Structures are given as structure tokens and as C-alpha cells.
Amino acid sequence: MVAPAGTPRELLARVQGEIRKFAQAPDIRARFALQGVELQESTPEQFTAFIKAEYARMVTLVKEAGIGPD
């Protein structure tokens, strides 16, 4: 899940708590598992770091592959 930059920390914590409850339900985990999805929990800071690292990785892949706008 993502939220706009500047979303109050208190709201992020509340939403994260609700998502955590939802994602811990055995039936929800089973439904995601059937689709090959493994749910992982992280803090907003960890998720931000992951997104930044993935973006940097993709930039490198695009450059190495010579992909550009058509």
C-alpha cells in the first residue's frame, strides 16, 4: 500500500495497523498464497527504502538494455 507524500505519521500508523490485522487472517493469507503471493510486513521507512532501491535497480536495467522512449 502507498500513501501520498506528507501523509501524517499518525494516519500511516493507523492504516498500517488495520492492514496488519487484515493480512494476518489465515483465510486472507491462504487466498494470497493460492496466487503465489507471500505477504510481508514492513514499516513505512522500510517500504520507502525498498521502493527507492527497486527504482534504482530498474533505472540500471533500462540503461543497460538500451531502452528508450519511442
Protein backbone atom coordinates (compact mmCIF):
# COMPACT_ATOMS: atom_id res chain seq x y z
CA MET A 1 0.00 0.00 0.00
CA VAL A 2 1.16 3.51 -0.67
CA ALA A 3 0.07 6.95 0.51
CA PRO A 4 0.81 10.45 -0.74
CA ALA A 5 3.95 12.17 0.47
CA GLY A 6 3.25 14.22 3.57
CA THR A 7 0.54 11.91 4.92
CA PRO A 8 0.52 12.39 8.71
CA ARG A 9 2.51 9.73 10.56
CA GLU A 10 -0.44 9.03 12.86
CA LEU A 11 -2.66 8.21 9.90
CA LEU A 12 0.01 5.95 8.38
CA ALA A 13 0.30 4.08 11.68
CA ARG A 14 -3.46 3.62 11.90
CA VAL A 15 -3.74 2.34 8.33
CA GLN A 16 -0.73 0.06 8.82
CA GLY A 17 -2.35 -1.43 11.92
CA GLU A 18 -5.58 -2.17 10.05
CA ILE A 19 -3.71 -3.70 7.13
CA ARG A 20 -1.69 -5.83 9.56
CA LYS A 21 -4.89 -7.21 11.11
CA PHE A 22 -6.32 -7.96 7.68
CA ALA A 23 -3.13 -9.60 6.38
CA GLN A 24 -2.70 -11.82 9.45
CA ALA A 25 -6.06 -13.53 8.97
CA PRO A 26 -5.42 -17.16 7.97
CA ASP A 27 -8.05 -17.13 5.23
CA ILE A 28 -6.57 -13.98 3.68
CA ARG A 29 -3.04 -15.42 3.78
CA ALA A 30 -4.33 -18.62 2.17
CA ARG A 31 -6.07 -16.73 -0.63
CA PHE A 32 -2.93 -14.77 -1.43
CA ALA A 33 -0.81 -17.94 -1.24
CA LEU A 34 -3.03 -19.58 -3.87
CA GLN A 35 -1.96 -16.78 -6.20
CA GLY A 36 1.72 -17.22 -5.33
CA VAL A 37 1.83 -14.09 -3.18
CA GLU A 38 3.68 -14.08 0.13
CA LEU A 39 2.56 -11.19 2.33
CA GLN A 40 5.37 -9.33 4.07
CA GLU A 41 5.07 -6.67 6.72
CA SER A 42 7.30 -3.63 6.84
CA THR A 43 7.41 -0.18 8.35
CA PRO A 44 6.79 2.87 6.17
CA GLU A 45 10.53 3.57 6.29
CA GLN A 46 11.42 0.04 5.19
CA PHE A 47 8.93 0.21 2.34
CA THR A 48 10.29 3.59 1.22
CA ALA A 49 13.82 2.16 1.19
CA PHE A 50 12.61 -0.86 -0.82
CA ILE A 51 10.87 1.33 -3.42
CA LYS A 52 13.95 3.56 -3.78
CA ALA A 53 16.23 0.52 -4.22
CA GLU A 54 13.87 -1.05 -6.80
CA TYR A 55 13.68 2.23 -8.71
CA ALA A 56 17.48 2.46 -8.85
CA ARG A 57 17.69 -1.17 -9.97
CA MET A 58 15.17 -0.60 -12.75
CA VAL A 59 16.96 2.54 -13.95
CA THR A 60 20.14 0.49 -14.29
CA LEU A 61 18.36 -2.32 -16.15
CA VAL A 62 16.71 0.10 -18.57
CA LYS A 63 20.04 1.81 -19.30
CA GLU A 64 21.88 -1.49 -19.75
CA ALA A 65 19.17 -2.78 -22.09
CA GLY A 66 19.26 0.44 -24.11
CA ILE A 67 15.56 1.01 -23.67
CA GLY A 68 14.32 4.49 -24.51
CA PRO A 69 11.15 6.29 -25.43
CA ASP A 70 9.81 5.58 -28.89
